[in-house]
Amino acid sequence: MKFHYELFGDVLAFDATYHGNKYKKSLVVFSKTNHRKQTYIFGFVWLQDVEVRTYRWILLNLLDVIGQKKLNLIVTDGDKAMHAGIAEMMPSAKHRLCAWHLEKTYIQQVKEIEFQQVFKKAIYANFDVDKFKRYLKTSVKFLSVVKNTWVQLTYDIKKSWAIIYLRETFCAGYRTMSRCERINSFIKAFLKSTNSILELVHNLDRVVKDYRNNEVTTQFYYTYYTLVLTIVLDAIELSASKLYTRVVSRDVKKQIKGVATLLFQGRVSINTTIV
C-alpha cells in the first residue's frame, strides 16, 4: 500500500460513511485511482468518534506512514470535522467536495425545485469566474433563496465544488465519491454486523486482496492482448498505446479522432518535433 501511495498518492478519497458493524463506529476508507483508472484501497481506519481531534490524529498518523508525502487533492463527502482536520494537518492540499453528496444535500435543504437545476449547472458548467458569480447570484435572487442558510454557506465554499475553480487541479478522474460508494457496497459482502474486531480486520484484508486481484487480472490482459488500431492516424494511435495504459489510450484516441477530421494545412519543424 505504501508503494502504491508513492506512485498514485496525488489524490486521495476520504470516506467515513460505512457504519455497518455491531459497535456502530465509523469505518474510514482511504482510496485512490491508479494509472488504469482502477480504484485502489490504501487503508482503513476505525473511528472511536467523529470529532476534529480524531481526524487530526488520523491524518497525523497517515502522514507518518506515507513518509510525510503531501497530497495535492483530498475528496470528501463534506463532513465538517473532517474538513477542519484536513485544513489543519494538510493545509497545502486542495479539498474537493463530492458533487453527488452536494446534489443529495441541496434536495433536502432547498425546497425550490428550479434551484436544483440551477445548482447542478453551477457545479458542472464551464463558466469563467465572473459569469459563474453573476449566474449564481442572479438565480438565487430570482428564486428567492437568498436567505437560505445552506445556500449562503455553500456559496462561501464554492472553490471546493465548482468546476470553474477546480479546472486546473489534477483530480485523477474524481468528481464524486461514487468510487467510495462502490467500495462500501463491496465491503458489505465481506462484513457482518456481528463481526468482532478481529473478524473485522481479517475480512477487510480479504477486501483489499480482492481489489488487488482485479489489478493483477487487468495487468495480465494488458500484457498479453494485442491492441487493434482502428483510426486513420494509426502511427499516432500506436505511439499513444505505448505511452499510456490501455484505458487512458481510449481517451487519447477520442482526441486523435478529432484531429483526423481537420484539414491539413502544412507543417513546421521545431527541433525534433513536427507541428
Protein backbone atom coordinates (compact mmCIF):
# COMPACT_ATOMS: atom_id res chain seq x y z
CA MET A 1 0.00 0.00 0.00
CA LYS A 2 2.86 2.37 0.80
CA PHE A 3 4.47 1.57 -2.57
CA HIS A 4 1.21 2.32 -4.40
CA TYR A 5 0.79 5.53 -2.46
CA GLU A 6 4.21 6.71 -3.64
CA LEU A 7 3.06 6.18 -7.23
CA PHE A 8 -0.56 7.31 -7.10
CA GLY A 9 -0.91 9.34 -3.91
CA ASP A 10 -1.59 12.71 -5.55
CA VAL A 11 -5.35 12.39 -4.97
CA LEU A 12 -6.99 10.64 -2.03
CA ALA A 13 -10.67 9.96 -1.39
CA PHE A 14 -11.57 10.08 2.29
CA ASP A 15 -14.86 8.37 3.12
CA ALA A 16 -16.39 7.71 6.56
CA THR A 17 -19.93 6.68 5.66
CA TYR A 18 -19.79 2.93 6.48
CA HIS A 19 -21.32 2.16 9.89
CA GLY A 20 -22.46 -1.46 9.44
CA ASN A 21 -20.77 -3.06 12.45
CA LYS A 22 -22.01 -4.09 15.86
CA TYR A 23 -20.02 -1.32 17.59
CA LYS A 24 -21.77 1.38 15.50
CA LYS A 25 -18.45 3.10 14.80
CA SER A 26 -17.48 4.73 11.53
CA LEU A 27 -15.06 2.96 9.23
CA VAL A 28 -12.90 5.36 7.20
CA VAL A 29 -11.72 4.12 3.81
CA PHE A 30 -8.74 5.75 2.11
CA SER A 31 -8.86 5.10 -1.62
CA LYS A 32 -7.34 6.40 -4.83
CA THR A 33 -7.16 5.57 -8.51
CA ASN A 34 -4.24 4.08 -10.39
CA HIS A 35 -2.91 4.57 -13.94
CA ARG A 36 -5.63 2.25 -15.28
CA LYS A 37 -8.43 4.23 -13.59
CA GLN A 38 -8.97 1.37 -11.16
CA THR A 39 -9.88 2.09 -7.55
CA TYR A 40 -7.16 1.09 -5.12
CA ILE A 41 -7.69 0.92 -1.35
CA PHE A 42 -4.81 2.48 0.54
CA GLY A 43 -6.05 1.86 4.07
CA PHE A 44 -8.78 1.69 6.68
CA VAL A 45 -9.29 3.45 9.99
CA TRP A 46 -11.90 2.51 12.56
CA LEU A 47 -13.04 5.65 14.41
CA GLN A 48 -13.84 5.95 18.10
CA ASP A 49 -15.75 9.17 17.32
CA VAL A 50 -16.03 11.78 14.56
CA GLU A 51 -14.53 14.78 16.37
CA VAL A 52 -11.93 17.12 14.85
CA ARG A 53 -9.24 15.80 17.21
CA THR A 54 -9.86 12.26 15.88
CA TYR A 55 -9.44 13.30 12.25
CA ARG A 56 -6.35 15.25 13.26
CA TRP A 57 -4.92 12.04 14.79
CA ILE A 58 -5.79 10.04 11.64
CA LEU A 59 -4.05 12.49 9.32
CA LEU A 60 -1.02 12.78 11.62
CA ASN A 61 -0.55 9.01 11.53
CA LEU A 62 -1.30 8.85 7.81
CA LEU A 63 1.50 11.34 7.12
CA ASP A 64 3.83 9.29 9.34
CA VAL A 65 3.04 6.05 7.46
CA ILE A 66 3.45 7.59 4.00
CA GLY A 67 6.71 9.34 4.78
CA GLN A 68 5.26 12.85 5.01
CA LYS A 69 4.36 12.90 1.29
CA LYS A 70 1.80 15.68 0.93
CA LEU A 71 -1.37 15.29 -1.09
CA ASN A 72 -2.45 17.56 -3.93
CA LEU A 73 -6.17 16.92 -3.50
CA ILE A 74 -8.48 15.27 -0.99
CA VAL A 75 -12.04 14.36 -1.97
CA THR A 76 -14.58 14.10 0.86
CA ASP A 77 -18.31 13.99 1.47
CA GLY A 78 -18.24 17.38 3.21
CA ASP A 79 -18.06 16.30 6.86
CA LYS A 80 -17.21 19.47 8.83
CA ALA A 81 -14.92 17.80 11.37
CA MET A 82 -13.08 16.03 8.57
CA HIS A 83 -12.70 19.33 6.68
CA ALA A 84 -11.30 21.07 9.77
CA GLY A 85 -8.79 18.27 10.35
CA ILE A 86 -7.62 18.38 6.71
CA ALA A 87 -7.25 22.17 6.75
CA GLU A 88 -5.07 21.97 9.88
CA MET A 89 -2.90 18.93 9.05
CA MET A 90 -2.64 19.27 5.26
CA PRO A 91 -3.03 23.00 4.53
CA SER A 92 -1.39 22.75 1.10
CA ALA A 93 -3.82 20.10 -0.16
CA LYS A 94 -6.91 21.24 -2.04
CA HIS A 95 -10.21 19.98 -0.67
CA ARG A 96 -12.85 18.90 -3.17
CA LEU A 97 -16.43 18.20 -2.12
CA CYS A 98 -18.20 15.25 -3.66
CA ALA A 99 -20.69 16.54 -6.25
CA TRP A 100 -23.05 13.59 -5.62
CA HIS A 101 -23.29 14.39 -1.90
CA LEU A 102 -23.87 18.06 -2.69
CA GLU A 103 -26.72 17.20 -5.06
CA LYS A 104 -28.24 14.92 -2.43
CA THR A 105 -27.96 17.63 0.24
CA TYR A 106 -29.47 20.52 -1.74
CA ILE A 107 -32.56 18.41 -2.46
CA GLN A 108 -33.04 18.16 1.31
CA GLN A 109 -32.08 21.73 2.19
CA VAL A 110 -33.71 23.74 -0.60
CA LYS A 111 -37.34 23.07 -1.47
CA GLU A 112 -37.38 25.24 -4.60
CA ILE A 113 -37.45 22.70 -7.47
CA GLU A 114 -35.94 25.04 -10.07
CA PHE A 115 -32.92 25.66 -7.85
CA GLN A 116 -31.87 22.04 -8.28
CA GLN A 117 -31.25 22.59 -12.00
CA VAL A 118 -29.56 25.94 -11.33
CA PHE A 119 -27.18 24.47 -8.76
CA LYS A 120 -26.36 21.44 -10.90
CA LYS A 121 -25.42 23.76 -13.76
CA ALA A 122 -23.30 25.83 -11.38
CA ILE A 123 -21.35 22.71 -10.37
CA TYR A 124 -20.58 21.40 -13.84
CA ALA A 125 -20.88 24.29 -16.34
CA ASN A 126 -17.73 25.63 -17.96
CA PHE A 127 -18.19 29.31 -16.97
CA ASP A 128 -15.49 31.87 -16.37
CA VAL A 129 -15.35 33.13 -12.77
CA ASP A 130 -17.27 36.38 -13.30
CA LYS A 131 -20.03 34.71 -15.30
CA PHE A 132 -20.29 31.97 -12.66
CA LYS A 133 -20.77 34.52 -9.87
CA ARG A 134 -23.33 36.53 -11.86
CA TYR A 135 -25.27 33.39 -12.85
CA LEU A 136 -25.49 32.03 -9.32
CA LYS A 137 -26.28 35.35 -7.62
CA THR A 138 -28.94 36.26 -10.20
CA SER A 139 -30.54 32.81 -9.99
CA VAL A 140 -30.54 32.76 -6.19
CA LYS A 141 -32.18 36.20 -6.11
CA PHE A 142 -34.75 35.29 -8.79
CA LEU A 143 -35.75 32.08 -6.97
CA SER A 144 -35.94 33.88 -3.59
CA VAL A 145 -33.50 31.59 -1.78
CA VAL A 146 -31.05 34.36 -0.82
CA LYS A 147 -31.77 33.92 2.89
CA ASN A 148 -31.44 30.13 2.85
CA THR A 149 -28.59 29.33 5.26
CA TRP A 150 -27.41 26.28 3.31
CA VAL A 151 -27.22 28.29 0.07
CA GLN A 152 -25.16 31.01 1.78
CA LEU A 153 -22.73 28.58 3.42
CA THR A 154 -22.31 26.52 0.24
CA TYR A 155 -21.60 29.62 -1.83
CA ASP A 156 -18.85 30.59 0.64
CA ILE A 157 -17.01 27.31 -0.08
CA LYS A 158 -17.60 27.40 -3.86
CA LYS A 159 -13.91 26.85 -4.60
CA SER A 160 -14.21 23.29 -3.30
CA TRP A 161 -17.08 22.18 -5.58
CA ALA A 162 -17.43 24.37 -8.71
CA ILE A 163 -15.65 23.08 -11.82
CA ILE A 164 -14.60 26.62 -12.71
CA TYR A 165 -12.29 26.74 -9.66
CA LEU A 166 -11.06 23.15 -9.97
CA ARG A 167 -10.35 23.18 -13.71
CA GLU A 168 -6.57 23.47 -13.28
CA THR A 169 -6.39 20.92 -10.46
CA PHE A 170 -5.42 17.31 -11.18
CA CYS A 171 -8.29 15.23 -9.80
CA ALA A 172 -7.40 11.78 -11.24
CA GLY A 173 -10.94 11.38 -12.52
CA TYR A 174 -12.56 12.07 -9.13
CA ARG A 175 -15.63 14.27 -9.33
CA THR A 176 -17.88 12.39 -6.94
CA MET A 177 -17.49 9.79 -4.21
CA SER A 178 -19.13 7.14 -6.42
CA ARG A 179 -15.95 5.05 -6.20
CA CYS A 180 -16.25 5.14 -2.41
CA GLU A 181 -19.93 4.24 -2.63
CA ARG A 182 -18.97 1.18 -4.68
CA ILE A 183 -16.31 0.24 -2.10
CA ASN A 184 -18.88 0.48 0.70
CA SER A 185 -21.27 -1.69 -1.27
CA PHE A 186 -18.47 -4.19 -1.90
CA ILE A 187 -17.43 -4.22 1.77
CA LYS A 188 -20.94 -5.22 2.82
CA ALA A 189 -20.48 -8.55 1.04
CA PHE A 190 -17.50 -9.35 3.31
CA LEU A 191 -18.53 -7.86 6.65
CA LYS A 192 -21.31 -8.84 9.01
CA SER A 193 -22.84 -6.61 11.65
CA THR A 194 -21.94 -9.27 14.24
CA ASN A 195 -18.20 -9.31 13.43
CA SER A 196 -15.76 -8.90 16.30
CA ILE A 197 -12.82 -6.52 15.89
CA LEU A 198 -10.53 -9.42 14.90
CA GLU A 199 -13.04 -10.71 12.32
CA LEU A 200 -13.48 -7.18 11.01
CA VAL A 201 -9.73 -6.83 10.41
CA HIS A 202 -9.45 -10.23 8.71
CA ASN A 203 -12.41 -9.51 6.43
CA LEU A 204 -11.08 -6.07 5.48
CA ASP A 205 -7.85 -7.79 4.48
CA ARG A 206 -9.92 -10.02 2.19
CA VAL A 207 -11.48 -6.89 0.65
CA VAL A 208 -8.04 -5.45 -0.15
CA LYS A 209 -6.83 -8.76 -1.62
CA ASP A 210 -9.87 -8.91 -3.88
CA TYR A 211 -9.15 -5.41 -5.19
CA ARG A 212 -5.51 -6.36 -5.75
CA ASN A 213 -6.60 -9.45 -7.67
CA ASN A 214 -8.61 -7.21 -10.03
CA GLU A 215 -5.47 -5.20 -10.64
CA VAL A 216 -3.38 -8.30 -11.40
CA THR A 217 -6.06 -9.61 -13.78
CA THR A 218 -6.11 -6.31 -15.66
CA GLN A 219 -2.31 -6.32 -15.86
CA PHE A 220 -2.47 -9.77 -17.46
CA TYR A 221 -4.90 -8.63 -20.16
CA TYR A 222 -2.85 -5.53 -20.94
CA THR A 223 0.34 -7.59 -21.18
CA TYR A 224 -0.89 -10.41 -23.42
CA TYR A 225 -3.67 -8.87 -25.52
CA THR A 226 -2.75 -7.04 -28.71
CA LEU A 227 -4.22 -3.61 -29.40
CA VAL A 228 -6.18 -3.32 -32.64
CA LEU A 229 -5.57 0.01 -34.40
CA THR A 230 -8.89 1.48 -35.54
CA ILE A 231 -8.32 5.06 -36.69
CA VAL A 232 -6.73 6.71 -39.72
CA LEU A 233 -3.78 8.22 -37.83
CA ASP A 234 -2.53 4.76 -36.87
CA ALA A 235 1.09 5.84 -36.22
CA ILE A 236 -0.06 8.33 -33.59
CA GLU A 237 -2.51 5.82 -32.12
CA LEU A 238 0.25 3.20 -31.87
CA SER A 239 2.59 5.71 -30.22
CA ALA A 240 -0.12 6.64 -27.68
CA SER A 241 -0.77 2.96 -26.92
CA LYS A 242 2.89 2.50 -25.99
CA LEU A 243 3.00 5.62 -23.84
CA TYR A 244 -0.31 5.26 -21.98
CA THR A 245 -2.15 2.40 -20.33
CA ARG A 246 -4.91 0.86 -22.41
CA VAL A 247 -7.78 2.58 -20.63
CA VAL A 248 -6.12 6.01 -20.91
CA SER A 249 -5.32 5.30 -24.57
CA ARG A 250 -9.06 5.10 -25.24
CA ASP A 251 -9.45 8.69 -24.03
CA VAL A 252 -6.47 9.80 -26.10
CA LYS A 253 -7.94 8.01 -29.14
CA LYS A 254 -11.01 10.26 -28.95
CA GLN A 255 -8.72 13.29 -29.22
CA ILE A 256 -6.83 11.74 -32.15
CA LYS A 257 -10.12 11.08 -33.95
CA GLY A 258 -10.94 14.76 -33.58
CA VAL A 259 -7.59 15.67 -35.16
CA ALA A 260 -8.24 13.27 -38.06
CA THR A 261 -11.23 15.39 -39.15
CA LEU A 262 -9.11 18.54 -39.54
CA LEU A 263 -7.79 19.73 -42.89
CA PHE A 264 -4.00 19.53 -43.27
CA GLN A 265 -2.53 22.98 -43.99
CA GLY A 266 1.19 22.47 -43.62
CA ARG A 267 3.96 21.55 -41.22
CA VAL A 268 6.55 23.36 -39.12
CA SER A 269 9.66 21.68 -37.71
CA ILE A 270 10.80 22.73 -34.24
CA ASN A 271 13.97 20.82 -33.34
CA THR A 272 12.87 17.16 -33.35
CA THR A 273 9.15 17.98 -33.20
CA ILE A 274 6.93 18.40 -36.24
CA VAL A 275 3.80 20.53 -35.81
